[in-house]
Amino acid sequence: MDRSSEIREEIIVGPDVNGQRLDAFLAHVLVDKFSRTKIKKMVEEGGIKVDGRTVPAHYHIKEGEKIEVEGTIAEESETRAEDIPITIVYEDDTVLVVDKPAGMVVHPAHGNLRHTLVNALLYHTQQLSSSGGNIRPGIVHRLDKDTSGILVVAKNDIAHAALANQFKQHTIARTYHAVVKGIVQHDEGVVEEPVGRAFLNRKKVIVRPSGGKDAVTFFKVVKRFGKATFLKIEPKTGRTHQIRVHMAHMGHPVLGDALYGVPSPWIQRQALHASNLAFDHPRTHERLSFESALPQDMKDLILRLESEN
């Protein structure tokens, strides 16, 4: 049996989308919640209003108008367990640490209901926190689909709350390694630019000096190649796509990142790996640290870049 959740959103039309069709605009903005067909039906049934009035789906929106969206998202009452091999780095009765491969989505969402890390975790254990709901049991934080590396999972709600608080207080230490385009001139530095969802493409995050969320990313050069740089990166905050957006903002997008840079013929995904995660154990309060070696595709990329020096 499916369950439903109500959604209410208010969107102010920005200058960059002035004149767009309402249904086309919302299909981008709400891509992770509704299909374009569903949006059109909601408009027809009065679930979407512009400045308090009903309008047709083909209505051309104007800068400054307020779009109000009220609708229902149907969700599966349970995420199904699937026999998918995963690498468990550490496990006890409280937490579970996974080395996620590139290409695996962390939890089910619109368009990715199967073959996720959560599906695999449910096959491995039924002991996962319920704080993330039926769709995201155990999930305290995420890695992008094509980012590989270390991720911690909560096995009960007390552990979930403790870990979530550590993320909120920035006491969890995370280290990533990335290969970025071009030569990074400074040996180390920090990017402190607020980020937020793009107005037109809600799958994309952009630097937003006004209206964005604070985001801080430290970086250090590990090695420079002819046309690329190998970086050690430590994000202080954990915003969606933060590292990828900040690197692109510096003029050094992560190699292979088709969304924020350009695809690479030498790697089939963004060259970004979560190599280390350190946190205080929720029950024992012992400081734990876990590492993941660079995956083979990133090793091959670095060898290729070294050979071209």
Protein backbone atom coordinates (compact mmCIF):
# COMPACT_ATOMS: atom_id res chain seq x y z
CA MET A 1 0.00 0.00 0.00
CA ASP A 2 1.24 3.50 -0.89
CA ARG A 3 1.23 6.50 1.44
CA SER A 4 1.01 10.14 0.48
CA SER A 5 2.59 13.33 1.73
CA GLU A 6 1.32 16.85 1.24
CA ILE A 7 3.54 19.48 -0.30
CA ARG A 8 3.12 23.26 -0.20
CA GLU A 9 5.53 25.56 -1.98
CA GLU A 10 5.67 29.26 -2.76
CA ILE A 11 7.89 30.38 -5.62
CA ILE A 12 8.60 33.96 -6.63
CA VAL A 13 9.21 34.33 -10.37
CA GLY A 14 12.69 35.68 -11.02
CA PRO A 15 13.75 37.92 -13.93
CA ASP A 16 15.61 35.09 -15.66
CA VAL A 17 12.40 33.10 -16.25
CA ASN A 18 10.05 35.99 -17.11
CA GLY A 19 7.67 34.97 -19.90
CA GLN A 20 8.07 31.22 -19.55
CA ARG A 21 5.08 28.90 -19.66
CA LEU A 22 3.88 27.98 -16.18
CA ASP A 23 3.90 24.22 -16.77
CA ALA A 24 7.36 24.26 -18.39
CA PHE A 25 8.80 26.35 -15.55
CA LEU A 26 7.34 24.14 -12.81
CA ALA A 27 8.47 20.97 -14.61
CA HIS A 28 12.05 22.22 -14.03
CA VAL A 29 11.54 23.62 -10.54
CA LEU A 30 9.66 20.60 -9.20
CA VAL A 31 11.45 17.94 -11.22
CA ASP A 32 12.18 15.85 -8.12
CA LYS A 33 8.54 15.89 -6.99
CA PHE A 34 6.14 15.89 -9.97
CA SER A 35 6.08 14.96 -13.64
CA ARG A 36 4.99 17.57 -16.21
CA THR A 37 1.75 15.63 -16.74
CA LYS A 38 1.03 15.73 -13.00
CA ILE A 39 1.78 19.48 -12.91
CA LYS A 40 -0.63 20.13 -15.79
CA LYS A 41 -3.36 18.17 -13.97
CA MET A 42 -2.71 20.11 -10.74
CA VAL A 43 -3.06 23.41 -12.64
CA GLU A 44 -6.35 22.25 -14.17
CA GLU A 45 -7.67 21.21 -10.74
CA GLY A 46 -6.70 24.48 -9.08
CA GLY A 47 -3.81 23.09 -7.03
CA ILE A 48 -1.47 25.67 -8.53
CA LYS A 49 -2.25 29.39 -8.39
CA VAL A 50 -0.47 32.52 -9.57
CA ASP A 51 -0.95 35.55 -7.32
CA GLY A 52 -3.94 33.79 -5.78
CA ARG A 53 -5.78 33.08 -9.01
CA THR A 54 -6.13 30.00 -11.21
CA VAL A 55 -4.52 30.19 -14.63
CA PRO A 56 -4.12 27.75 -17.54
CA ALA A 57 -1.02 25.57 -17.85
CA HIS A 58 0.16 27.58 -20.85
CA TYR A 59 0.04 30.86 -18.88
CA HIS A 60 3.22 32.92 -19.31
CA ILE A 61 4.59 33.83 -15.91
CA LYS A 62 5.88 37.32 -15.08
CA GLU A 63 8.70 38.51 -12.86
CA GLY A 64 7.57 39.09 -9.27
CA GLU A 65 4.49 36.87 -9.43
CA LYS A 66 3.97 34.38 -6.61
CA ILE A 67 3.26 30.78 -7.60
CA GLU A 68 1.56 28.70 -4.92
CA VAL A 69 1.72 24.93 -5.25
CA GLU A 70 -0.36 22.50 -3.21
CA GLY A 71 -0.26 18.83 -4.07
CA THR A 72 0.16 15.26 -2.92
CA ILE A 73 3.21 13.10 -3.50
CA ALA A 74 2.49 9.39 -3.47
CA GLU A 75 5.26 7.40 -1.84
CA GLU A 76 5.69 3.70 -1.42
CA SER A 77 4.89 2.66 2.12
CA GLU A 78 8.04 0.55 2.14
CA THR A 79 11.34 0.53 0.31
CA ARG A 80 12.11 -2.99 -0.86
CA ALA A 81 15.20 -4.93 0.12
CA GLU A 82 17.43 -5.97 -2.77
CA ASP A 83 20.36 -8.35 -2.85
CA ILE A 84 22.95 -5.82 -4.02
CA PRO A 85 26.59 -6.29 -2.95
CA ILE A 86 27.93 -3.40 -0.85
CA THR A 87 31.23 -2.84 0.94
CA ILE A 88 30.74 -2.59 4.71
CA VAL A 89 33.77 -0.92 6.27
CA TYR A 90 32.50 -1.06 9.86
CA GLU A 91 29.37 -2.21 11.69
CA ASP A 92 28.14 -2.51 15.25
CA ASP A 93 24.72 -2.29 16.91
CA THR A 94 24.60 1.49 16.48
CA VAL A 95 26.21 2.55 13.20
CA LEU A 96 27.23 1.11 9.88
CA VAL A 97 29.90 2.59 7.60
CA VAL A 98 29.74 1.93 3.86
CA ASP A 99 32.18 2.50 1.02
CA LYS A 100 29.74 3.56 -1.71
CA PRO A 101 30.70 2.95 -5.33
CA ALA A 102 30.22 5.58 -8.01
CA GLY A 103 26.96 5.13 -9.92
CA MET A 104 24.86 4.13 -6.90
CA VAL A 105 22.06 6.42 -5.70
CA VAL A 106 21.87 6.64 -1.90
CA HIS A 107 18.08 6.42 -1.46
CA PRO A 108 14.97 6.02 -3.63
CA ALA A 109 13.56 9.16 -5.24
CA HIS A 110 11.55 10.11 -8.32
CA GLY A 111 13.14 8.22 -11.21
CA ASN A 112 15.31 6.01 -8.98
CA LEU A 113 13.08 3.73 -6.93
CA ARG A 114 15.25 0.61 -7.12
CA HIS A 115 18.90 -0.46 -6.91
CA THR A 116 19.84 2.21 -4.35
CA LEU A 117 22.08 1.96 -1.30
CA VAL A 118 18.98 1.87 0.93
CA ASN A 119 17.61 -1.12 -0.99
CA ALA A 120 20.94 -2.87 -0.41
CA LEU A 121 21.07 -1.90 3.28
CA LEU A 122 17.60 -3.32 3.90
CA TYR A 123 18.75 -6.67 2.51
CA HIS A 124 21.83 -6.55 4.75
CA THR A 125 19.99 -5.54 7.95
CA GLN A 126 16.52 -4.65 9.18
CA GLN A 127 18.05 -2.55 11.95
CA LEU A 128 17.99 0.98 10.55
CA SER A 129 16.79 4.26 12.05
CA SER A 130 13.28 5.39 11.17
CA SER A 131 14.09 9.12 11.37
CA GLY A 132 14.56 9.33 7.63
CA GLY A 133 11.11 7.85 6.99
CA ASN A 134 10.26 4.76 4.96
CA ILE A 135 12.13 6.01 1.92
CA ARG A 136 15.39 6.96 3.68
CA PRO A 137 15.82 4.61 6.67
CA GLY A 138 19.20 5.05 8.31
CA ILE A 139 20.32 7.84 5.99
CA VAL A 140 21.90 10.74 7.88
CA HIS A 141 23.82 12.26 4.95
CA ARG A 142 24.27 11.57 1.26
CA LEU A 143 26.84 11.37 -1.48
CA ASP A 144 25.93 12.24 -5.06
CA LYS A 145 25.21 9.27 -7.33
CA ASP A 146 28.55 9.55 -9.13
CA THR A 147 30.63 10.44 -6.07
CA SER A 148 32.28 7.44 -4.44
CA GLY A 149 33.46 6.91 -0.89
CA ILE A 150 32.70 6.72 2.82
CA LEU A 151 29.20 7.21 4.23
CA VAL A 152 27.86 6.54 7.76
CA VAL A 153 24.42 5.03 8.38
CA ALA A 154 22.43 5.12 11.65
CA LYS A 155 20.94 1.87 12.94
CA ASN A 156 18.58 3.49 15.46
CA ASP A 157 16.90 6.85 16.03
CA ILE A 158 19.16 7.87 18.93
CA ALA A 159 22.23 7.33 16.78
CA HIS A 160 20.55 9.17 13.91
CA ALA A 161 19.86 12.24 16.06
CA ALA A 162 23.41 12.22 17.49
CA LEU A 163 25.03 12.00 14.06
CA ALA A 164 22.69 14.61 12.58
CA ASN A 165 23.67 16.96 15.39
CA GLN A 166 27.35 16.39 14.69
CA PHE A 167 26.77 17.32 11.06
CA LYS A 168 24.84 20.41 12.17
CA GLN A 169 27.63 21.44 14.57
CA HIS A 170 30.29 20.69 11.93
CA THR A 171 32.16 18.31 14.25
CA ILE A 172 32.14 15.51 11.70
CA ALA A 173 35.34 15.74 9.65
CA ARG A 174 35.16 14.87 5.97
CA THR A 175 37.97 14.68 3.47
CA TYR A 176 37.51 14.32 -0.27
CA HIS A 177 39.97 13.96 -3.11
CA ALA A 178 39.24 15.39 -6.53
CA VAL A 179 40.90 15.95 -9.86
CA VAL A 180 39.93 19.34 -11.26
CA LYS A 181 40.42 21.00 -14.61
CA GLY A 182 43.31 23.44 -15.00
CA ILE A 183 46.19 24.45 -12.77
CA VAL A 184 45.14 25.66 -9.31
CA GLN A 185 47.63 28.45 -8.54
CA HIS A 186 47.37 28.65 -4.75
CA ASP A 187 48.77 25.75 -2.73
CA GLU A 188 45.76 25.98 -0.43
CA GLY A 189 42.73 28.15 0.07
CA VAL A 190 39.07 28.39 0.98
CA VAL A 191 35.89 29.10 -0.97
CA GLU A 192 33.17 30.83 1.07
CA GLU A 193 30.28 31.39 -1.32
CA PRO A 194 26.62 30.78 -0.45
CA VAL A 195 24.93 28.21 -2.67
CA GLY A 196 21.33 27.39 -3.54
CA ARG A 197 19.14 25.75 -6.16
CA ALA A 198 19.13 27.34 -9.60
CA PHE A 199 15.86 29.06 -10.47
CA LEU A 200 15.46 27.42 -13.87
CA ASN A 201 16.97 23.96 -13.38
CA ARG A 202 16.25 22.66 -9.88
CA LYS A 203 18.65 19.76 -10.38
CA LYS A 204 21.45 22.29 -10.48
CA VAL A 205 22.98 24.28 -7.61
CA ILE A 206 24.60 27.68 -8.15
CA VAL A 207 26.51 30.27 -6.16
CA ARG A 208 23.84 32.65 -4.82
CA PRO A 209 25.29 35.66 -2.93
CA SER A 210 21.75 36.58 -1.86
CA GLY A 211 19.29 33.89 -0.85
CA GLY A 212 21.84 31.08 -0.79
CA LYS A 213 22.93 28.98 2.19
CA ASP A 214 26.35 29.48 3.75
CA ALA A 215 28.92 27.08 2.33
CA VAL A 216 32.63 26.76 3.16
CA THR A 217 35.12 24.56 1.32
CA PHE A 218 38.84 24.26 2.13
CA PHE A 219 41.23 22.88 -0.47
CA LYS A 220 44.89 21.95 -0.72
CA VAL A 221 46.93 21.03 -3.78
CA VAL A 222 48.27 17.47 -3.70
CA LYS A 223 49.77 17.47 -7.19
CA ARG A 224 49.69 19.57 -10.35
CA PHE A 225 49.62 18.07 -13.83
CA GLY A 226 49.88 19.69 -17.25
CA LYS A 227 46.22 20.65 -17.50
CA ALA A 228 44.71 19.44 -14.23
CA THR A 229 45.23 19.47 -10.45
CA PHE A 230 44.77 16.77 -7.80
CA LEU A 231 43.20 18.30 -4.68
CA LYS A 232 42.50 17.37 -1.09
CA ILE A 233 39.21 19.00 -0.11
CA GLU A 234 37.62 19.48 3.30
CA PRO A 235 34.09 20.90 3.27
CA LYS A 236 33.13 22.63 6.50
CA THR A 237 29.44 22.62 5.52
CA GLY A 238 27.53 19.92 3.68
CA ARG A 239 25.39 21.62 1.05
CA THR A 240 24.10 19.74 -1.97
CA HIS A 241 26.77 19.61 -4.72
CA GLN A 242 28.86 22.03 -2.63
CA ILE A 243 32.33 20.87 -3.70
CA ARG A 244 31.37 20.59 -7.36
CA VAL A 245 29.79 24.05 -7.39
CA HIS A 246 32.64 25.72 -5.49
CA MET A 247 35.30 24.17 -7.72
CA ALA A 248 33.42 25.28 -10.84
CA HIS A 249 33.07 28.77 -9.33
CA MET A 250 36.88 28.86 -8.94
CA GLY A 251 37.18 28.12 -12.64
CA HIS A 252 38.35 24.57 -11.90
CA PRO A 253 35.38 22.20 -12.32
CA VAL A 254 35.84 18.58 -11.27
CA LEU A 255 37.00 16.54 -14.25
CA GLY A 256 34.21 14.46 -15.74
CA ASP A 257 31.48 16.58 -14.13
CA ALA A 258 29.04 17.05 -17.00
CA LEU A 259 26.64 19.17 -14.91
CA TYR A 260 29.11 21.83 -13.72
CA GLY A 261 31.99 21.44 -16.15
CA VAL A 262 32.57 19.21 -19.13
CA PRO A 263 32.69 15.43 -19.62
CA SER A 264 36.14 13.85 -19.77
CA PRO A 265 37.18 11.10 -22.18
CA TRP A 266 39.29 9.60 -19.38
CA ILE A 267 36.69 9.16 -16.64
CA GLN A 268 32.97 8.47 -16.96
CA ARG A 269 31.85 10.46 -13.90
CA GLN A 270 33.01 13.37 -11.74
CA ALA A 271 36.46 12.61 -10.32
CA LEU A 272 35.37 13.13 -6.72
CA HIS A 273 35.89 10.66 -3.88
CA ALA A 274 34.93 10.85 -0.18
CA SER A 275 38.18 9.43 1.16
CA ASN A 276 37.82 9.97 4.91
CA LEU A 277 35.07 10.39 7.49
CA ALA A 278 35.61 10.94 11.23
CA PHE A 279 32.87 11.23 13.87
CA ASP A 280 32.15 10.58 17.54
CA HIS A 281 30.44 7.24 18.06
CA PRO A 282 26.85 8.01 19.20
CA ARG A 283 26.96 5.47 22.05
CA THR A 284 30.60 5.22 23.18
CA HIS A 285 31.58 8.79 22.17
CA GLU A 286 34.87 7.39 20.90
CA ARG A 287 36.29 9.28 17.93
CA LEU A 288 36.23 6.97 14.91
CA SER A 289 37.89 7.57 11.56
CA PHE A 290 37.42 5.60 8.34
CA GLU A 291 39.28 5.78 5.06
CA SER A 292 38.60 4.66 1.52
CA ALA A 293 41.34 4.27 -1.08
CA LEU A 294 40.99 6.01 -4.43
CA PRO A 295 38.86 3.90 -6.77
CA GLN A 296 40.48 2.44 -9.86
CA ASP A 297 38.95 4.91 -12.33
CA MET A 298 40.48 7.85 -10.46
CA LYS A 299 43.83 6.05 -10.20
CA ASP A 300 43.74 5.45 -13.96
CA LEU A 301 42.89 9.11 -14.56
CA ILE A 302 45.86 10.28 -12.47
CA LEU A 303 48.21 7.87 -14.28
CA ARG A 304 46.99 9.25 -17.60
CA LEU A 305 47.56 12.83 -16.45
CA GLU A 306 51.04 11.97 -15.11
CA SER A 307 52.00 10.41 -18.43
CA GLU A 308 51.12 13.63 -20.23
CA ASN A 309 53.28 15.86 -18.00
